[in-house]
N, C-alpha and C. Protein backbone atom coordinates (compact mmCIF):
# COMPACT_ATOMS: atom_id res chain seq x y z
N GLN A 1 161.81 12.84 72.47
CA GLN A 1 160.57 13.13 73.17
C GLN A 1 160.87 13.62 74.59
N LEU A 2 161.85 12.97 75.20
CA LEU A 2 162.28 13.40 76.52
C LEU A 2 162.81 14.82 76.46
N HIS A 3 163.60 15.07 75.41
CA HIS A 3 164.15 16.40 75.21
C HIS A 3 163.03 17.43 75.05
N LEU A 4 161.99 17.08 74.29
CA LEU A 4 160.85 17.96 74.06
C LEU A 4 160.09 18.19 75.38
N ALA A 5 159.92 17.14 76.18
CA ALA A 5 159.22 17.25 77.45
C ALA A 5 160.01 18.15 78.40
N ILE A 6 161.33 17.97 78.42
CA ILE A 6 162.18 18.80 79.27
C ILE A 6 162.11 20.25 78.82
N SER A 7 162.09 20.45 77.54
CA SER A 7 162.00 21.81 76.99
C SER A 7 160.66 22.44 77.38
N GLU A 8 159.57 21.66 77.25
CA GLU A 8 158.25 22.18 77.64
C GLU A 8 158.22 22.48 79.13
N LYS A 9 158.80 21.58 79.91
CA LYS A 9 158.85 21.79 81.36
C LYS A 9 159.59 23.07 81.68
N ASN A 10 160.72 23.31 81.01
CA ASN A 10 161.49 24.52 81.24
C ASN A 10 160.69 25.77 80.86
N GLU A 11 159.99 25.69 79.72
CA GLU A 11 159.16 26.83 79.29
C GLU A 11 158.04 27.09 80.31
N LEU A 12 157.39 25.99 80.74
CA LEU A 12 156.32 26.14 81.74
C LEU A 12 156.87 26.68 83.05
N SER A 13 158.05 26.23 83.44
CA SER A 13 158.68 26.73 84.66
C SER A 13 158.97 28.22 84.53
N ASN A 14 159.51 28.60 83.34
CA ASN A 14 159.79 30.02 83.09
C ASN A 14 158.49 30.84 83.13
N SER A 15 157.43 30.30 82.47
CA SER A 15 156.14 30.99 82.46
C SER A 15 155.59 31.11 83.88
N LEU A 16 155.68 30.01 84.61
CA LEU A 16 155.20 30.03 85.99
C LEU A 16 155.99 31.04 86.81
N GLY A 17 157.28 31.09 86.61
CA GLY A 17 158.12 32.06 87.33
C GLY A 17 157.72 33.49 86.99
N MET A 18 157.45 33.74 85.71
CA MET A 18 157.05 35.09 85.30
C MET A 18 155.68 35.44 85.88
N VAL A 19 154.75 34.47 85.86
CA VAL A 19 153.41 34.71 86.41
C VAL A 19 153.53 34.97 87.91
N GLN A 20 154.35 34.17 88.60
CA GLN A 20 154.54 34.37 90.04
C GLN A 20 155.15 35.73 90.33
N LYS A 21 156.13 36.12 89.52
CA LYS A 21 156.76 37.43 89.70
C LYS A 21 155.75 38.55 89.49
N GLU A 22 154.95 38.42 88.41
CA GLU A 22 153.92 39.42 88.11
C GLU A 22 152.89 39.47 89.25
N PHE A 23 152.51 38.28 89.75
CA PHE A 23 151.56 38.22 90.86
C PHE A 23 152.13 38.91 92.09
N GLN A 24 153.40 38.66 92.39
CA GLN A 24 154.04 39.28 93.56
C GLN A 24 154.11 40.79 93.40
N GLU A 25 154.41 41.26 92.17
CA GLU A 25 154.46 42.70 91.91
C GLU A 25 153.07 43.33 92.12
N LYS A 26 152.03 42.66 91.58
CA LYS A 26 150.67 43.19 91.75
C LYS A 26 150.26 43.15 93.22
N GLU A 27 150.63 42.08 93.91
CA GLU A 27 150.31 41.97 95.32
C GLU A 27 151.00 43.09 96.11
N SER A 28 152.26 43.34 95.80
CA SER A 28 153.00 44.43 96.47
C SER A 28 152.34 45.78 96.19
N GLU A 29 151.95 45.98 94.94
CA GLU A 29 151.29 47.24 94.56
C GLU A 29 149.96 47.39 95.31
N MET A 30 149.19 46.30 95.40
CA MET A 30 147.91 46.36 96.10
C MET A 30 148.12 46.63 97.59
N ILE A 31 149.13 46.01 98.18
CA ILE A 31 149.42 46.24 99.60
C ILE A 31 149.81 47.70 99.81
N ARG A 32 150.63 48.24 98.91
CA ARG A 32 151.04 49.63 99.01
C ARG A 32 149.82 50.54 98.89
N GLU A 33 148.92 50.26 97.95
CA GLU A 33 147.71 51.07 97.79
C GLU A 33 146.81 50.98 99.03
N ILE A 34 146.67 49.76 99.57
CA ILE A 34 145.85 49.58 100.77
C ILE A 34 146.43 50.41 101.91
N LEU A 35 147.74 50.35 102.08
CA LEU A 35 148.38 51.14 103.15
C LEU A 35 148.18 52.63 102.92
N GLU A 36 148.27 53.04 101.67
CA GLU A 36 148.07 54.46 101.32
C GLU A 36 146.64 54.88 101.66
N TYR A 37 145.65 54.05 101.30
CA TYR A 37 144.25 54.37 101.60
C TYR A 37 143.99 54.36 103.10
N GLN A 38 144.65 53.43 103.81
CA GLN A 38 144.49 53.40 105.27
C GLN A 38 145.05 54.68 105.89
N ASP A 39 146.20 55.14 105.37
CA ASP A 39 146.77 56.40 105.87
C ASP A 39 145.82 57.57 105.60
N LYS A 40 145.25 57.60 104.38
CA LYS A 40 144.32 58.67 104.04
C LYS A 40 143.08 58.62 104.93
N LEU A 41 142.58 57.42 105.17
CA LEU A 41 141.41 57.25 106.03
C LEU A 41 141.72 57.71 107.45
N HIS A 42 142.87 57.31 107.95
CA HIS A 42 143.28 57.70 109.29
C HIS A 42 143.40 59.23 109.39
N GLN A 43 143.99 59.85 108.38
CA GLN A 43 144.13 61.31 108.39
C GLN A 43 142.76 61.99 108.32
N ALA A 44 141.87 61.42 107.48
CA ALA A 44 140.51 61.99 107.38
C ALA A 44 139.79 61.88 108.72
N GLU A 45 139.96 60.75 109.41
CA GLU A 45 139.33 60.58 110.72
C GLU A 45 139.89 61.58 111.72
N LYS A 46 141.21 61.79 111.69
CA LYS A 46 141.82 62.78 112.59
C LYS A 46 141.29 64.18 112.30
N ASP A 47 141.21 64.53 111.00
CA ASP A 47 140.70 65.84 110.62
C ASP A 47 139.25 66.01 111.07
N HIS A 48 138.47 64.96 110.85
CA HIS A 48 137.05 64.99 111.24
C HIS A 48 136.93 65.18 112.75
N GLN A 49 137.72 64.45 113.51
CA GLN A 49 137.67 64.55 114.97
C GLN A 49 138.08 65.95 115.43
N ALA A 50 139.11 66.50 114.79
CA ALA A 50 139.56 67.85 115.14
C ALA A 50 138.46 68.88 114.85
N ALA A 51 137.79 68.71 113.70
CA ALA A 51 136.71 69.63 113.34
C ALA A 51 135.55 69.50 114.33
N LEU A 52 135.22 68.27 114.72
CA LEU A 52 134.16 68.05 115.71
C LEU A 52 134.51 68.69 117.04
N THR A 53 135.74 68.51 117.46
CA THR A 53 136.18 69.09 118.73
C THR A 53 136.07 70.62 118.68
N GLU A 54 136.52 71.20 117.57
CA GLU A 54 136.46 72.65 117.43
C GLU A 54 135.01 73.15 117.45
N LEU A 55 134.13 72.45 116.72
CA LEU A 55 132.72 72.84 116.70
C LEU A 55 132.08 72.70 118.08
N ASN A 56 132.43 71.62 118.78
CA ASN A 56 131.90 71.44 120.13
C ASN A 56 132.34 72.58 121.05
N GLN A 57 133.60 72.98 120.94
CA GLN A 57 134.10 74.08 121.77
C GLN A 57 133.37 75.38 121.43
N LYS A 58 133.20 75.64 120.13
CA LYS A 58 132.49 76.86 119.72
C LYS A 58 131.05 76.83 120.24
N ASN A 59 130.41 75.67 120.12
CA ASN A 59 129.02 75.54 120.60
C ASN A 59 128.95 75.77 122.11
N GLU A 60 129.92 75.22 122.83
CA GLU A 60 129.92 75.41 124.29
C GLU A 60 130.05 76.90 124.63
N VAL A 61 130.91 77.60 123.90
CA VAL A 61 131.09 79.04 124.14
C VAL A 61 129.80 79.78 123.83
N GLU A 62 129.16 79.42 122.70
CA GLU A 62 127.91 80.09 122.33
C GLU A 62 126.81 79.79 123.34
N ILE A 63 126.75 78.53 123.79
CA ILE A 63 125.74 78.16 124.78
C ILE A 63 125.96 78.95 126.07
N GLN A 64 127.20 79.06 126.49
CA GLN A 64 127.51 79.81 127.72
C GLN A 64 127.12 81.29 127.55
N ALA A 65 127.44 81.84 126.37
CA ALA A 65 127.09 83.25 126.11
C ALA A 65 125.57 83.43 126.16
N CYS A 66 124.84 82.48 125.57
CA CYS A 66 123.37 82.57 125.59
C CYS A 66 122.83 82.44 127.01
N GLN A 67 123.41 81.52 127.78
CA GLN A 67 122.97 81.37 129.17
C GLN A 67 123.25 82.64 129.97
N ASP A 68 124.42 83.23 129.76
CA ASP A 68 124.75 84.48 130.45
C ASP A 68 123.77 85.58 130.07
N LYS A 69 123.46 85.67 128.77
CA LYS A 69 122.53 86.69 128.31
C LYS A 69 121.13 86.44 128.89
N MET A 70 120.72 85.17 128.91
CA MET A 70 119.41 84.84 129.46
C MET A 70 119.35 85.18 130.96
N ASN A 71 120.42 84.87 131.69
CA ASN A 71 120.46 85.21 133.11
C ASN A 71 120.39 86.72 133.32
N SER A 72 121.10 87.45 132.46
CA SER A 72 121.08 88.90 132.55
C SER A 72 119.68 89.44 132.28
N LEU A 73 119.02 88.88 131.25
CA LEU A 73 117.67 89.32 130.92
C LEU A 73 116.68 88.97 132.04
N GLU A 74 116.85 87.79 132.63
CA GLU A 74 115.98 87.41 133.74
C GLU A 74 116.16 88.38 134.91
N HIS A 75 117.39 88.74 135.18
CA HIS A 75 117.66 89.69 136.26
C HIS A 75 117.03 91.06 135.93
N PHE A 76 117.18 91.48 134.67
CA PHE A 76 116.60 92.75 134.23
C PHE A 76 115.08 92.73 134.38
N ILE A 77 114.45 91.62 133.94
CA ILE A 77 112.99 91.50 134.04
C ILE A 77 112.56 91.55 135.50
N SER A 78 113.30 90.85 136.34
CA SER A 78 112.98 90.85 137.77
C SER A 78 113.06 92.26 138.35
N SER A 79 114.13 92.98 138.00
CA SER A 79 114.27 94.35 138.52
C SER A 79 113.18 95.25 137.96
N GLN A 80 112.77 95.03 136.70
CA GLN A 80 111.70 95.83 136.11
C GLN A 80 110.37 95.54 136.80
N LYS A 81 110.13 94.27 137.15
CA LYS A 81 108.89 93.93 137.87
C LYS A 81 108.86 94.63 139.24
N MET A 82 110.03 94.63 139.90
CA MET A 82 110.10 95.31 141.19
C MET A 82 109.84 96.80 141.02
N GLU A 83 110.40 97.37 139.98
CA GLU A 83 110.21 98.81 139.71
C GLU A 83 108.73 99.10 139.43
N ILE A 84 108.07 98.21 138.67
CA ILE A 84 106.64 98.39 138.37
C ILE A 84 105.83 98.34 139.66
N GLU A 85 106.13 97.38 140.53
CA GLU A 85 105.43 97.28 141.81
C GLU A 85 105.65 98.54 142.65
N HIS A 86 106.87 99.02 142.64
CA HIS A 86 107.20 100.25 143.37
C HIS A 86 106.41 101.43 142.81
N LEU A 87 106.35 101.53 141.48
CA LEU A 87 105.60 102.63 140.85
C LEU A 87 104.10 102.52 141.12
N LYS A 88 103.59 101.28 141.12
CA LYS A 88 102.16 101.09 141.45
C LYS A 88 101.87 101.56 142.87
N SER A 89 102.78 101.20 143.77
CA SER A 89 102.62 101.61 145.17
C SER A 89 102.65 103.13 145.29
N ASN A 90 103.62 103.75 144.60
CA ASN A 90 103.71 105.22 144.61
C ASN A 90 102.46 105.86 144.02
N LYS A 91 101.94 105.26 142.95
CA LYS A 91 100.73 105.79 142.31
C LYS A 91 99.56 105.72 143.29
N GLU A 92 99.46 104.60 143.98
CA GLU A 92 98.37 104.45 144.95
C GLU A 92 98.50 105.48 146.07
N GLU A 93 99.71 105.68 146.56
CA GLU A 93 99.94 106.67 147.60
C GLU A 93 99.58 108.07 147.10
N LEU A 94 100.00 108.39 145.87
CA LEU A 94 99.70 109.70 145.30
C LEU A 94 98.20 109.88 145.08
N ASN A 95 97.52 108.81 144.64
CA ASN A 95 96.07 108.89 144.47
C ASN A 95 95.37 109.15 145.80
N ASN A 96 95.84 108.44 146.83
CA ASN A 96 95.26 108.66 148.17
C ASN A 96 95.52 110.08 148.64
N PHE A 97 96.76 110.56 148.43
CA PHE A 97 97.11 111.92 148.82
C PHE A 97 96.25 112.92 148.06
N LEU A 98 96.08 112.69 146.74
CA LEU A 98 95.26 113.59 145.92
C LEU A 98 93.80 113.58 146.39
N LYS A 99 93.31 112.40 146.74
CA LYS A 99 91.94 112.28 147.23
C LYS A 99 91.77 113.09 148.52
N GLU A 100 92.75 112.91 149.42
CA GLU A 100 92.70 113.66 150.68
C GLU A 100 92.80 115.17 150.42
N ALA A 101 93.68 115.55 149.48
CA ALA A 101 93.85 116.97 149.17
C ALA A 101 92.56 117.54 148.59
N ASN A 102 91.90 116.76 147.72
CA ASN A 102 90.63 117.23 147.14
C ASN A 102 89.55 117.36 148.21
N GLN A 103 89.54 116.41 149.15
CA GLN A 103 88.56 116.51 150.24
C GLN A 103 88.83 117.75 151.09
N THR A 104 90.12 117.95 151.40
CA THR A 104 90.49 119.13 152.20
C THR A 104 90.13 120.40 151.44
N LEU A 105 90.41 120.41 150.13
CA LEU A 105 90.08 121.57 149.30
C LEU A 105 88.57 121.82 149.31
N GLY A 106 87.79 120.74 149.20
CA GLY A 106 86.32 120.86 149.23
C GLY A 106 85.85 121.43 150.55
N GLU A 107 86.44 120.94 151.63
CA GLU A 107 86.06 121.46 152.95
C GLU A 107 86.44 122.92 153.11
N LEU A 108 87.65 123.27 152.59
CA LEU A 108 88.08 124.67 152.68
C LEU A 108 87.18 125.57 151.88
N GLN A 109 86.73 125.08 150.71
CA GLN A 109 85.84 125.90 149.87
C GLN A 109 84.47 126.09 150.58
N LYS A 110 84.03 125.06 151.26
CA LYS A 110 82.77 125.18 152.01
C LYS A 110 82.89 126.22 153.12
N ILE A 111 84.05 126.13 153.82
CA ILE A 111 84.29 127.10 154.92
C ILE A 111 84.38 128.50 154.36
N LYS A 112 85.01 128.68 153.21
CA LYS A 112 85.19 129.99 152.60
C LYS A 112 83.84 130.55 152.16
N VAL A 113 82.95 129.70 151.67
CA VAL A 113 81.64 130.14 151.20
C VAL A 113 80.79 130.60 152.38
N ARG A 114 80.87 130.05 153.53
CA ARG A 114 80.07 130.41 154.68
C ARG A 114 80.41 131.76 155.13
């Protein structure tokens, strides 16, 4: 009976050793997979950050280009408004000159008729 108990103990010890070995192998495999996934996650985060940085730079360039264009258009509009005011002033002067010329012409025609 003692012999049988010792034999069972040895079998159980062997089984326990095999289970422990299998557990250690699975644990090692899981740790390796976790590390692999962490590396992939880290790389994905780096890629994402690089893409964000690139997009931000492109957006900044586009924003600056739009601001430059807007400033240019504002300057153009301002110069066009000044030109319109200048033309209005010239038109008024020409209208006054034409009015005076017509009055002078009318007076000359009256003098000629007499």
